[in-house]
Amino acid sequence: MQRAFRILAVLIFITVGLMACSPQGKDAKSLNDEGVNLIKKGQYDQAIAKLSQAIQLDPKYAIAYDNRGLAEYLNKSYDKALTDFNKAIELNPKIAGAYYYRGLITFRKKDYNKAIADYSKAIELNPKFVVAYNNRGMAYYRINDYDKAIADFSKAIELDPKLGQAYNNRAFAYFQKKDNSKAEEDVKKAQALKYDVSKELLENLRGAGGGKK
């Protein structure tokens, strides 16, 4: 299944509160917010610079580490991102997003059990964290725990019935359990949502005697 799954990386977490000020009169929160806006514009290097200024002003500003980690992740600087997410969690163990993004990185490193632990903590902190369920399901899939994978994909669908990726992923898990009829049902649901269903999955289903479009 190699590239069949796609990872969702979403959500930006920002905070409020009074922070230390720079000589230019900008406080850490303002710099953090500027960094977040730059992330939204896809200007990751500039965002990292702004968030680094925020951290310099307030070295204990957990959300700034979390947001800088996000910018670094999107900039494909995964080791730097991991360091920042670790620091954010150290400073504030209740930031769900930091666990989620750390899970993305450990998943990329194929350390699926660590990814599961991080996604689980993110879900504990935010029980409606749709993409965390979806991605934890992907990690369970990678360790061949198809029942838990299906449970997580199903929860993601329950929370967001229009998440085509979750139907696609659940179809893979059903196929591995040789439940082709349910796999085909999920393929149809994903296609109805205009999701680009994995060609590998469609070919597997056709080879098994099903999966007609």
N, C-alpha and C. Protein backbone atom coordinates (compact mmCIF):
# COMPACT_ATOMS: atom_id res chain seq x y z
N MET A 1 0.80 -1.19 0.00
CA MET A 1 0.00 0.00 0.00
C MET A 1 0.84 1.24 0.00
N GLN A 2 2.12 1.22 0.27
CA GLN A 2 3.10 2.29 0.13
C GLN A 2 2.50 3.70 0.28
N ARG A 3 2.12 4.33 -0.83
CA ARG A 3 1.70 5.74 -0.79
C ARG A 3 0.19 5.89 -0.80
N ALA A 4 -0.53 4.82 -0.46
CA ALA A 4 -1.98 4.87 -0.59
C ALA A 4 -2.62 5.86 0.36
N PHE A 5 -2.06 5.98 1.55
CA PHE A 5 -2.64 6.90 2.52
C PHE A 5 -2.07 8.30 2.34
N ARG A 6 -2.83 9.28 2.71
CA ARG A 6 -2.35 10.65 2.74
C ARG A 6 -2.56 11.17 4.15
N ILE A 7 -1.55 11.84 4.68
CA ILE A 7 -1.65 12.36 6.05
C ILE A 7 -2.26 13.75 6.02
N LEU A 8 -3.16 13.98 6.96
CA LEU A 8 -3.76 15.30 7.09
C LEU A 8 -3.00 16.08 8.16
N ALA A 9 -2.55 17.25 7.82
CA ALA A 9 -1.94 18.12 8.81
C ALA A 9 -2.74 19.41 8.84
N VAL A 10 -3.51 19.60 9.93
CA VAL A 10 -4.36 20.77 9.99
C VAL A 10 -4.34 21.37 11.38
N LEU A 11 -4.95 22.51 11.51
CA LEU A 11 -5.20 23.20 12.76
C LEU A 11 -4.00 24.00 13.24
N ILE A 12 -4.22 25.23 13.55
CA ILE A 12 -3.20 26.10 14.10
C ILE A 12 -3.69 26.55 15.47
N PHE A 13 -2.88 26.37 16.49
CA PHE A 13 -3.28 26.70 17.85
C PHE A 13 -2.57 27.96 18.30
N ILE A 14 -3.36 28.97 18.70
CA ILE A 14 -2.77 30.20 19.21
C ILE A 14 -3.34 30.47 20.59
N THR A 15 -2.73 31.39 21.31
CA THR A 15 -3.14 31.63 22.69
C THR A 15 -3.36 33.11 22.92
N VAL A 16 -3.79 33.44 24.12
CA VAL A 16 -3.99 34.83 24.49
C VAL A 16 -3.25 35.10 25.79
N GLY A 17 -3.10 36.38 26.12
CA GLY A 17 -2.44 36.71 27.37
C GLY A 17 -1.39 37.78 27.18
N LEU A 18 -0.98 38.41 28.28
CA LEU A 18 0.03 39.45 28.23
C LEU A 18 1.41 38.83 28.22
N MET A 19 2.30 39.38 27.39
CA MET A 19 3.64 38.82 27.25
C MET A 19 4.67 39.94 27.37
N ALA A 20 5.93 39.53 27.50
CA ALA A 20 7.02 40.50 27.55
C ALA A 20 7.10 41.26 26.23
N CYS A 21 7.59 42.50 26.30
CA CYS A 21 7.66 43.34 25.10
C CYS A 21 9.09 43.48 24.61
N SER A 22 9.23 43.61 23.30
CA SER A 22 10.53 43.86 22.68
C SER A 22 10.81 45.36 22.72
N PRO A 23 12.04 45.74 22.44
CA PRO A 23 12.34 47.17 22.38
C PRO A 23 11.48 47.90 21.36
N GLN A 24 11.02 47.21 20.33
CA GLN A 24 10.17 47.83 19.32
C GLN A 24 8.71 47.93 19.78
N GLY A 25 8.43 47.46 21.00
CA GLY A 25 7.09 47.58 21.54
C GLY A 25 6.19 46.41 21.25
N LYS A 26 6.68 45.40 20.52
CA LYS A 26 5.86 44.23 20.21
C LYS A 26 6.01 43.19 21.32
N ASP A 27 4.89 42.66 21.77
CA ASP A 27 4.97 41.62 22.79
C ASP A 27 5.02 40.24 22.12
N ALA A 28 5.30 39.22 22.91
CA ALA A 28 5.47 37.87 22.37
C ALA A 28 4.20 37.37 21.70
N LYS A 29 3.05 37.72 22.27
CA LYS A 29 1.80 37.27 21.66
C LYS A 29 1.61 37.88 20.27
N SER A 30 1.92 39.17 20.14
CA SER A 30 1.78 39.82 18.83
C SER A 30 2.70 39.16 17.81
N LEU A 31 3.91 38.87 18.21
CA LEU A 31 4.85 38.21 17.31
C LEU A 31 4.37 36.80 16.96
N ASN A 32 3.81 36.11 17.95
CA ASN A 32 3.24 34.78 17.69
C ASN A 32 2.11 34.87 16.68
N ASP A 33 1.23 35.83 16.87
CA ASP A 33 0.09 35.97 15.96
C ASP A 33 0.55 36.33 14.55
N GLU A 34 1.58 37.16 14.45
CA GLU A 34 2.14 37.48 13.13
C GLU A 34 2.71 36.22 12.49
N GLY A 35 3.36 35.39 13.31
CA GLY A 35 3.90 34.14 12.79
C GLY A 35 2.81 33.22 12.28
N VAL A 36 1.72 33.15 13.01
CA VAL A 36 0.58 32.31 12.59
C VAL A 36 0.03 32.79 11.26
N ASN A 37 -0.11 34.10 11.10
CA ASN A 37 -0.62 34.64 9.84
C ASN A 37 0.32 34.33 8.68
N LEU A 38 1.62 34.36 8.95
CA LEU A 38 2.60 34.02 7.91
C LEU A 38 2.51 32.54 7.54
N ILE A 39 2.24 31.69 8.54
CA ILE A 39 2.04 30.26 8.24
C ILE A 39 0.85 30.09 7.30
N LYS A 40 -0.22 30.79 7.59
CA LYS A 40 -1.43 30.69 6.77
C LYS A 40 -1.16 31.14 5.33
N LYS A 41 -0.21 32.04 5.16
CA LYS A 41 0.15 32.54 3.82
C LYS A 41 1.19 31.65 3.14
N GLY A 42 1.67 30.63 3.87
CA GLY A 42 2.68 29.74 3.30
C GLY A 42 4.09 30.31 3.35
N GLN A 43 4.29 31.35 4.14
CA GLN A 43 5.60 31.99 4.26
C GLN A 43 6.31 31.43 5.50
N TYR A 44 6.80 30.22 5.36
CA TYR A 44 7.26 29.47 6.53
C TYR A 44 8.56 30.01 7.12
N ASP A 45 9.51 30.41 6.29
CA ASP A 45 10.77 30.95 6.80
C ASP A 45 10.51 32.22 7.61
N GLN A 46 9.67 33.09 7.07
CA GLN A 46 9.35 34.32 7.78
C GLN A 46 8.59 34.03 9.07
N ALA A 47 7.72 33.03 9.03
CA ALA A 47 6.97 32.65 10.23
C ALA A 47 7.92 32.15 11.31
N ILE A 48 8.87 31.33 10.91
CA ILE A 48 9.84 30.79 11.87
C ILE A 48 10.62 31.94 12.52
N ALA A 49 10.99 32.94 11.73
CA ALA A 49 11.73 34.08 12.27
C ALA A 49 10.88 34.83 13.30
N LYS A 50 9.61 35.09 12.98
CA LYS A 50 8.73 35.81 13.91
C LYS A 50 8.52 35.02 15.19
N LEU A 51 8.29 33.73 15.05
CA LEU A 51 8.03 32.89 16.21
C LEU A 51 9.29 32.74 17.07
N SER A 52 10.44 32.76 16.43
CA SER A 52 11.70 32.72 17.18
C SER A 52 11.86 33.99 18.01
N GLN A 53 11.43 35.13 17.46
CA GLN A 53 11.47 36.38 18.22
C GLN A 53 10.54 36.30 19.43
N ALA A 54 9.37 35.70 19.22
CA ALA A 54 8.43 35.54 20.34
C ALA A 54 9.04 34.68 21.44
N ILE A 55 9.71 33.63 21.04
CA ILE A 55 10.33 32.72 22.00
C ILE A 55 11.49 33.40 22.71
N GLN A 56 12.22 34.23 21.98
CA GLN A 56 13.32 34.97 22.60
C GLN A 56 12.81 35.90 23.70
N LEU A 57 11.67 36.52 23.44
CA LEU A 57 11.05 37.38 24.45
C LEU A 57 10.49 36.59 25.62
N ASP A 58 9.92 35.44 25.33
CA ASP A 58 9.31 34.62 26.38
C ASP A 58 9.68 33.16 26.14
N PRO A 59 10.80 32.71 26.71
CA PRO A 59 11.28 31.34 26.48
C PRO A 59 10.35 30.25 27.00
N LYS A 60 9.31 30.63 27.73
CA LYS A 60 8.37 29.64 28.25
C LYS A 60 7.01 29.71 27.53
N TYR A 61 6.99 30.33 26.38
CA TYR A 61 5.75 30.52 25.61
C TYR A 61 5.49 29.25 24.80
N ALA A 62 4.78 28.31 25.38
CA ALA A 62 4.59 26.98 24.79
C ALA A 62 3.95 27.03 23.41
N ILE A 63 2.94 27.88 23.25
CA ILE A 63 2.23 27.94 21.97
C ILE A 63 3.14 28.43 20.85
N ALA A 64 4.08 29.32 21.17
CA ALA A 64 5.01 29.78 20.14
C ALA A 64 5.91 28.64 19.67
N TYR A 65 6.34 27.79 20.59
CA TYR A 65 7.10 26.61 20.19
C TYR A 65 6.24 25.69 19.31
N ASP A 66 4.99 25.53 19.70
CA ASP A 66 4.08 24.67 18.94
C ASP A 66 3.90 25.21 17.52
N ASN A 67 3.68 26.52 17.41
CA ASN A 67 3.47 27.11 16.09
C ASN A 67 4.74 27.11 15.26
N ARG A 68 5.89 27.34 15.92
CA ARG A 68 7.14 27.27 15.17
C ARG A 68 7.39 25.84 14.69
N GLY A 69 7.03 24.88 15.53
CA GLY A 69 7.14 23.49 15.11
C GLY A 69 6.29 23.22 13.88
N LEU A 70 5.08 23.80 13.85
CA LEU A 70 4.21 23.63 12.68
C LEU A 70 4.85 24.23 11.44
N ALA A 71 5.39 25.44 11.58
CA ALA A 71 6.05 26.09 10.43
C ALA A 71 7.22 25.25 9.94
N GLU A 72 7.98 24.70 10.87
CA GLU A 72 9.13 23.88 10.49
C GLU A 72 8.66 22.57 9.85
N TYR A 73 7.58 22.03 10.37
CA TYR A 73 7.03 20.80 9.76
C TYR A 73 6.61 21.07 8.32
N LEU A 74 5.89 22.14 8.12
CA LEU A 74 5.42 22.48 6.77
C LEU A 74 6.58 22.85 5.85
N ASN A 75 7.68 23.28 6.46
CA ASN A 75 8.89 23.62 5.71
C ASN A 75 9.79 22.39 5.52
N LYS A 76 9.29 21.24 5.98
CA LYS A 76 9.97 19.95 5.85
C LYS A 76 11.26 19.86 6.67
N SER A 77 11.33 20.67 7.73
CA SER A 77 12.45 20.57 8.67
C SER A 77 11.97 19.74 9.86
N TYR A 78 11.86 18.44 9.65
CA TYR A 78 11.15 17.58 10.60
C TYR A 78 11.87 17.44 11.94
N ASP A 79 13.19 17.38 11.93
CA ASP A 79 13.91 17.24 13.20
C ASP A 79 13.76 18.50 14.05
N LYS A 80 13.85 19.66 13.42
CA LYS A 80 13.65 20.91 14.16
C LYS A 80 12.22 20.99 14.68
N ALA A 81 11.27 20.58 13.85
CA ALA A 81 9.87 20.59 14.28
C ALA A 81 9.68 19.68 15.49
N LEU A 82 10.29 18.51 15.46
CA LEU A 82 10.16 17.57 16.57
C LEU A 82 10.70 18.18 17.86
N THR A 83 11.83 18.86 17.76
CA THR A 83 12.40 19.51 18.94
C THR A 83 11.43 20.54 19.52
N ASP A 84 10.80 21.31 18.65
CA ASP A 84 9.86 22.33 19.12
C ASP A 84 8.60 21.73 19.71
N PHE A 85 8.08 20.67 19.11
CA PHE A 85 6.89 20.04 19.69
C PHE A 85 7.22 19.42 21.05
N ASN A 86 8.39 18.84 21.17
CA ASN A 86 8.81 18.30 22.47
C ASN A 86 8.86 19.40 23.53
N LYS A 87 9.40 20.56 23.14
CA LYS A 87 9.51 21.68 24.08
C LYS A 87 8.12 22.22 24.44
N ALA A 88 7.25 22.32 23.45
CA ALA A 88 5.89 22.79 23.72
C ALA A 88 5.19 21.87 24.72
N ILE A 89 5.35 20.58 24.55
CA ILE A 89 4.73 19.60 25.45
C ILE A 89 5.35 19.67 26.84
N GLU A 90 6.66 19.88 26.89
CA GLU A 90 7.34 20.03 28.18
C GLU A 90 6.78 21.21 28.95
N LEU A 91 6.56 22.32 28.25
CA LEU A 91 6.07 23.54 28.89
C LEU A 91 4.58 23.50 29.18
N ASN A 92 3.84 22.82 28.31
CA ASN A 92 2.38 22.74 28.49
C ASN A 92 1.88 21.39 27.96
N PRO A 93 1.74 20.42 28.82
CA PRO A 93 1.35 19.07 28.39
C PRO A 93 -0.09 18.96 27.89
N LYS A 94 -0.82 20.08 27.83
CA LYS A 94 -2.22 20.03 27.42
C LYS A 94 -2.46 20.60 26.03
N ILE A 95 -1.40 20.76 25.24
CA ILE A 95 -1.57 21.27 23.87
C ILE A 95 -1.80 20.07 22.94
N ALA A 96 -3.04 19.83 22.58
CA ALA A 96 -3.37 18.66 21.76
C ALA A 96 -2.63 18.66 20.43
N GLY A 97 -2.51 19.84 19.83
CA GLY A 97 -1.87 19.93 18.52
C GLY A 97 -0.42 19.50 18.53
N ALA A 98 0.29 19.77 19.61
CA ALA A 98 1.70 19.40 19.69
C ALA A 98 1.86 17.88 19.62
N TYR A 99 0.98 17.17 20.32
CA TYR A 99 1.02 15.70 20.26
C TYR A 99 0.66 15.22 18.85
N TYR A 100 -0.33 15.86 18.28
CA TYR A 100 -0.78 15.45 16.94
C TYR A 100 0.35 15.58 15.92
N TYR A 101 0.98 16.76 15.90
CA TYR A 101 2.03 16.98 14.91
C TYR A 101 3.26 16.12 15.20
N ARG A 102 3.54 15.89 16.48
CA ARG A 102 4.64 14.98 16.81
C ARG A 102 4.31 13.58 16.31
N GLY A 103 3.05 13.23 16.38
CA GLY A 103 2.62 11.95 15.84
C GLY A 103 2.84 11.86 14.33
N LEU A 104 2.61 12.97 13.63
CA LEU A 104 2.87 12.99 12.19
C LEU A 104 4.34 12.69 11.89
N ILE A 105 5.21 13.27 12.71
CA ILE A 105 6.64 13.09 12.48
C ILE A 105 7.07 11.66 12.79
N THR A 106 6.60 11.13 13.93
CA THR A 106 7.00 9.76 14.28
C THR A 106 6.40 8.77 13.29
N PHE A 107 5.23 9.08 12.73
CA PHE A 107 4.66 8.24 11.68
C PHE A 107 5.58 8.24 10.46
N ARG A 108 6.06 9.42 10.09
CA ARG A 108 6.97 9.52 8.95
C ARG A 108 8.23 8.69 9.19
N LYS A 109 8.65 8.64 10.44
CA LYS A 109 9.84 7.87 10.80
C LYS A 109 9.54 6.38 10.95
N LYS A 110 8.29 6.01 10.71
CA LYS A 110 7.81 4.63 10.79
C LYS A 110 7.85 4.07 12.21
N ASP A 111 7.81 4.97 13.18
CA ASP A 111 7.70 4.55 14.58
C ASP A 111 6.22 4.61 14.94
N TYR A 112 5.50 3.61 14.48
CA TYR A 112 4.05 3.66 14.53
C TYR A 112 3.49 3.60 15.95
N ASN A 113 4.14 2.88 16.83
CA ASN A 113 3.65 2.80 18.20
C ASN A 113 3.76 4.15 18.91
N LYS A 114 4.86 4.88 18.65
CA LYS A 114 4.97 6.22 19.22
C LYS A 114 3.93 7.15 18.62
N ALA A 115 3.68 7.00 17.33
CA ALA A 115 2.66 7.82 16.68
C ALA A 115 1.30 7.55 17.31
N ILE A 116 0.99 6.29 17.55
CA ILE A 116 -0.28 5.93 18.18
C ILE A 116 -0.39 6.57 19.56
N ALA A 117 0.70 6.54 20.33
CA ALA A 117 0.68 7.14 21.66
C ALA A 117 0.41 8.64 21.59
N ASP A 118 1.03 9.32 20.62
CA ASP A 118 0.81 10.76 20.49
C ASP A 118 -0.59 11.09 20.00
N TYR A 119 -1.07 10.35 19.02
CA TYR A 119 -2.44 10.59 18.55
C TYR A 119 -3.44 10.32 19.68
N SER A 120 -3.17 9.30 20.47
CA SER A 120 -4.06 8.96 21.57
C SER A 120 -4.11 10.09 22.60
N LYS A 121 -2.95 10.68 22.89
CA LYS A 121 -2.93 11.81 23.83
C LYS A 121 -3.67 13.01 23.25
N ALA A 122 -3.49 13.25 21.96
CA ALA A 122 -4.21 14.35 21.32
C ALA A 122 -5.72 14.14 21.42
N ILE A 123 -6.15 12.90 21.23
CA ILE A 123 -7.58 12.57 21.32
C ILE A 123 -8.09 12.69 22.75
N GLU A 124 -7.25 12.29 23.69
CA GLU A 124 -7.63 12.43 25.11
C GLU A 124 -7.89 13.90 25.44
N LEU A 125 -7.05 14.78 24.92
CA LEU A 125 -7.19 16.21 25.18
C LEU A 125 -8.30 16.85 24.36
N ASN A 126 -8.55 16.27 23.18
CA ASN A 126 -9.59 16.81 22.30
C ASN A 126 -10.34 15.64 21.67
N PRO A 127 -11.39 15.14 22.34
CA PRO A 127 -12.10 13.94 21.87
C PRO A 127 -12.76 14.09 20.50
N LYS A 128 -12.84 15.30 19.97
CA LYS A 128 -13.44 15.51 18.65
C LYS A 128 -12.38 15.82 17.59
N PHE A 129 -11.16 15.41 17.85
CA PHE A 129 -10.03 15.68 16.95
C PHE A 129 -10.08 14.69 15.79
N VAL A 130 -10.84 15.04 14.77
CA VAL A 130 -11.17 14.12 13.68
C VAL A 130 -9.93 13.53 13.03
N VAL A 131 -8.99 14.39 12.61
CA VAL A 131 -7.84 13.88 11.87
C VAL A 131 -6.92 13.05 12.75
N ALA A 132 -6.98 13.25 14.06
CA ALA A 132 -6.17 12.41 14.95
C ALA A 132 -6.70 10.98 14.94
N TYR A 133 -8.02 10.83 14.91
CA TYR A 133 -8.60 9.47 14.79
C TYR A 133 -8.19 8.85 13.45
N ASN A 134 -8.32 9.64 12.39
CA ASN A 134 -7.98 9.11 11.06
C ASN A 134 -6.52 8.67 11.01
N ASN A 135 -5.63 9.51 11.52
CA ASN A 135 -4.21 9.19 11.44
C ASN A 135 -3.81 8.09 12.41
N ARG A 136 -4.47 8.02 13.56
CA ARG A 136 -4.19 6.90 14.45
C ARG A 136 -4.62 5.59 13.79
N GLY A 137 -5.74 5.65 13.07
CA GLY A 137 -6.18 4.48 12.33
C GLY A 137 -5.15 4.05 11.31
N MET A 138 -4.50 5.02 10.66
CA MET A 138 -3.46 4.70 9.69
C MET A 138 -2.28 4.02 10.37
N ALA A 139 -1.94 4.50 11.59
CA ALA A 139 -0.83 3.88 12.32
C ALA A 139 -1.18 2.45 12.74
N TYR A 140 -2.42 2.27 13.19
CA TYR A 140 -2.85 0.90 13.52
C TYR A 140 -2.80 0.00 12.28
N TYR A 141 -3.18 0.57 11.15
CA TYR A 141 -3.13 -0.20 9.90
C TYR A 141 -1.70 -0.67 9.63
N ARG A 142 -0.75 0.22 9.85
CA ARG A 142 0.65 -0.10 9.56
C ARG A 142 1.19 -1.23 10.43
N ILE A 143 0.60 -1.40 11.61
CA ILE A 143 1.06 -2.51 12.47
C ILE A 143 0.09 -3.70 12.37
N ASN A 144 -0.75 -3.66 11.34
CA ASN A 144 -1.65 -4.77 11.01
C ASN A 144 -2.75 -5.00 12.05
N ASP A 145 -3.07 -3.97 12.80
CA ASP A 145 -4.19 -4.07 13.73
C ASP A 145 -5.42 -3.47 13.04
N TYR A 146 -6.01 -4.27 12.16
CA TYR A 146 -7.06 -3.75 11.28
C TYR A 146 -8.36 -3.43 12.01
N ASP A 147 -8.66 -4.16 13.08
CA ASP A 147 -9.88 -3.87 13.82
C ASP A 147 -9.82 -2.50 14.48
N LYS A 148 -8.67 -2.19 15.11
CA LYS A 148 -8.54 -0.88 15.73
C LYS A 148 -8.49 0.21 14.66
N ALA A 149 -7.88 -0.10 13.53
CA ALA A 149 -7.86 0.87 12.43
C ALA A 149 -9.28 1.19 11.97
N ILE A 150 -10.08 0.16 11.79
CA ILE A 150 -11.47 0.37 11.36
C ILE A 150 -12.24 1.17 12.39
N ALA A 151 -12.02 0.88 13.67
CA ALA A 151 -12.71 1.62 14.73
C ALA A 151 -12.36 3.11 14.66
N ASP A 152 -11.09 3.42 14.42
CA ASP A 152 -10.69 4.82 14.35
C ASP A 152 -11.22 5.51 13.10
N PHE A 153 -11.15 4.83 11.96
CA PHE A 153 -11.70 5.43 10.75
C PHE A 153 -13.20 5.65 10.89
N SER A 154 -13.87 4.72 11.55
CA SER A 154 -15.31 4.85 11.76
C SER A 154 -15.63 6.04 12.67
N LYS A 155 -14.79 6.24 13.69
CA LYS A 155 -15.00 7.39 14.58
C LYS A 155 -14.77 8.69 13.82
N ALA A 156 -13.75 8.72 12.97
CA ALA A 156 -13.51 9.91 12.17
C ALA A 156 -14.71 10.21 11.27
N ILE A 157 -15.28 9.18 10.70
CA ILE A 157 -16.46 9.34 9.83
C ILE A 157 -17.67 9.80 10.63
N GLU A 158 -17.81 9.26 11.83
CA GLU A 158 -18.91 9.69 12.70
C GLU A 158 -18.82 11.19 12.98
N LEU A 159 -17.59 11.67 13.23
CA LEU A 159 -17.39 13.08 13.55
C LEU A 159 -17.46 13.97 12.31
N ASP A 160 -17.04 13.41 11.17
CA ASP A 160 -17.06 14.17 9.92
C ASP A 160 -17.46 13.24 8.77
N PRO A 161 -18.76 13.10 8.54
CA PRO A 161 -19.24 12.17 7.50
C PRO A 161 -18.78 12.52 6.09
N LYS A 162 -18.20 13.70 5.89
CA LYS A 162 -17.74 14.09 4.56
C LYS A 162 -16.24 13.92 4.38
N LEU A 163 -15.60 13.22 5.30
CA LEU A 163 -14.16 13.00 5.22
C LEU A 163 -13.89 11.79 4.32
N GLY A 164 -13.76 12.07 3.03
CA GLY A 164 -13.58 11.00 2.06
C GLY A 164 -12.37 10.14 2.33
N GLN A 165 -11.30 10.74 2.84
CA GLN A 165 -10.09 9.98 3.12
C GLN A 165 -10.35 8.85 4.11
N ALA A 166 -11.20 9.09 5.10
CA ALA A 166 -11.47 8.05 6.10
C ALA A 166 -12.19 6.86 5.49
N TYR A 167 -13.10 7.11 4.53
CA TYR A 167 -13.75 6.00 3.83
C TYR A 167 -12.72 5.22 3.01
N ASN A 168 -11.85 5.95 2.33
CA ASN A 168 -10.79 5.31 1.55
C ASN A 168 -9.92 4.43 2.44
N ASN A 169 -9.51 4.98 3.58
CA ASN A 169 -8.64 4.24 4.49
C ASN A 169 -9.34 3.02 5.09
N ARG A 170 -10.62 3.23 5.46
CA ARG A 170 -11.37 2.10 6.05
C ARG A 170 -11.56 1.00 5.02
N ALA A 171 -11.72 1.38 3.76
CA ALA A 171 -11.85 0.38 2.71
C ALA A 171 -10.60 -0.49 2.63
N PHE A 172 -9.43 0.15 2.76
CA PHE A 172 -8.18 -0.62 2.78
C PHE A 172 -8.20 -1.65 3.91
N ALA A 173 -8.63 -1.21 5.08
CA ALA A 173 -8.63 -2.11 6.24
C ALA A 173 -9.62 -3.25 6.05
N TYR A 174 -10.80 -2.94 5.50
CA TYR A 174 -11.77 -4.00 5.23
C TYR A 174 -11.21 -4.98 4.20
N PHE A 175 -10.51 -4.46 3.21
CA PHE A 175 -9.93 -5.33 2.19
C PHE A 175 -8.92 -6.29 2.82
N GLN A 176 -8.12 -5.79 3.74
CA GLN A 176 -7.15 -6.65 4.41
C GLN A 176 -7.82 -7.73 5.24
N LYS A 177 -9.03 -7.44 5.72
CA LYS A 177 -9.80 -8.45 6.48
C LYS A 177 -10.64 -9.32 5.55
N LYS A 178 -10.45 -9.11 4.24
CA LYS A 178 -11.17 -9.88 3.21
C LYS A 178 -12.67 -9.64 3.24
N ASP A 179 -13.05 -8.48 3.74
CA ASP A 179 -14.45 -8.08 3.72
C ASP A 179 -14.64 -7.14 2.53
N ASN A 180 -14.63 -7.72 1.35
CA ASN A 180 -14.63 -6.91 0.13
C ASN A 180 -15.91 -6.12 -0.08
N SER A 181 -17.03 -6.66 0.38
CA SER A 181 -18.30 -5.95 0.18
C SER A 181 -18.30 -4.63 0.95
N LYS A 182 -17.79 -4.65 2.18
CA LYS A 182 -17.72 -3.40 2.94
C LYS A 182 -16.68 -2.46 2.34
N ALA A 183 -15.60 -3.03 1.84
CA ALA A 183 -14.58 -2.20 1.19
C ALA A 183 -15.18 -1.49 -0.02
N GLU A 184 -15.97 -2.21 -0.80
CA GLU A 184 -16.60 -1.62 -1.99
C GLU A 184 -17.59 -0.53 -1.59
N GLU A 185 -18.32 -0.75 -0.52
CA GLU A 185 -19.27 0.26 -0.04
C GLU A 185 -18.53 1.55 0.31
N ASP A 186 -17.40 1.41 1.00
CA ASP A 186 -16.64 2.60 1.39
C ASP A 186 -16.02 3.30 0.18
N VAL A 187 -15.60 2.53 -0.81
CA VAL A 187 -15.08 3.12 -2.03
C VAL A 187 -16.17 3.98 -2.69
N LYS A 188 -17.36 3.45 -2.77
CA LYS A 188 -18.47 4.20 -3.38
C LYS A 188 -18.77 5.48 -2.60
N LYS A 189 -18.71 5.40 -1.27
CA LYS A 189 -18.98 6.59 -0.46
C LYS A 189 -17.89 7.63 -0.66
N ALA A 190 -16.63 7.17 -0.73
CA ALA A 190 -15.53 8.10 -0.96
C ALA A 190 -15.66 8.76 -2.33
N GLN A 191 -16.00 7.97 -3.34
CA GLN A 191 -16.17 8.52 -4.69
C GLN A 191 -17.33 9.50 -4.76
N ALA A 192 -18.40 9.22 -4.01
CA ALA A 192 -19.54 10.13 -3.98
C ALA A 192 -19.15 11.49 -3.39
N LEU A 193 -18.13 11.47 -2.53
CA LEU A 193 -17.64 12.70 -1.92
C LEU A 193 -16.55 13.35 -2.78
N LYS A 194 -16.36 12.80 -4.00
CA LYS A 194 -15.36 13.31 -4.94
C LYS A 194 -13.93 13.11 -4.43
N TYR A 195 -13.75 12.11 -3.56
CA TYR A 195 -12.40 11.81 -3.08
C TYR A 195 -11.68 10.94 -4.11
N ASP A 196 -10.42 11.23 -4.32
CA ASP A 196 -9.61 10.49 -5.29
C ASP A 196 -9.18 9.16 -4.67
N VAL A 197 -10.00 8.16 -4.84
CA VAL A 197 -9.75 6.85 -4.22
C VAL A 197 -8.47 6.24 -4.78
N SER A 198 -7.73 5.58 -3.90
CA SER A 198 -6.46 4.97 -4.29
C SER A 198 -6.63 4.01 -5.46
N LYS A 199 -5.81 4.20 -6.49
CA LYS A 199 -5.85 3.28 -7.64
C LYS A 199 -5.45 1.88 -7.22
N GLU A 200 -4.52 1.82 -6.28
CA GLU A 200 -4.10 0.50 -5.78
C GLU A 200 -5.27 -0.26 -5.18
N LEU A 201 -6.09 0.45 -4.41
CA LEU A 201 -7.25 -0.19 -3.79
C LEU A 201 -8.24 -0.67 -4.85
N LEU A 202 -8.51 0.20 -5.83
CA LEU A 202 -9.45 -0.17 -6.89
C LEU A 202 -8.95 -1.40 -7.66
N GLU A 203 -7.66 -1.43 -7.94
CA GLU A 203 -7.09 -2.58 -8.65
C GLU A 203 -7.18 -3.84 -7.80
N ASN A 204 -6.92 -3.70 -6.50
CA ASN A 204 -7.02 -4.87 -5.61
C ASN A 204 -8.43 -5.42 -5.59
N LEU A 205 -9.41 -4.54 -5.52
CA LEU A 205 -10.80 -4.96 -5.48
C LEU A 205 -11.22 -5.60 -6.81
N ARG A 206 -10.77 -5.03 -7.91
CA ARG A 206 -11.09 -5.63 -9.20
C ARG A 206 -10.47 -7.02 -9.30
N GLY A 207 -9.24 -7.15 -8.80
CA GLY A 207 -8.59 -8.44 -8.83
C GLY A 207 -9.28 -9.47 -7.98
N ALA A 208 -10.00 -8.96 -6.96
CA ALA A 208 -10.73 -9.87 -6.07
C ALA A 208 -12.15 -10.10 -6.56
N GLY A 209 -12.48 -9.52 -7.73
CA GLY A 209 -13.79 -9.76 -8.30
C GLY A 209 -14.80 -8.70 -8.00
N GLY A 210 -14.35 -7.54 -7.48
CA GLY A 210 -15.30 -6.47 -7.17
C GLY A 210 -14.71 -5.13 -7.55
N GLY A 211 -15.20 -4.09 -6.92
CA GLY A 211 -14.63 -2.77 -7.13
C GLY A 211 -14.97 -2.13 -8.46
N LYS A 212 -16.03 -2.51 -9.12
CA LYS A 212 -16.39 -1.86 -10.37
C LYS A 212 -16.86 -0.45 -10.10
N LYS A 213 -16.42 0.47 -10.96
CA LYS A 213 -16.81 1.88 -10.77
C LYS A 213 -18.16 2.14 -11.44
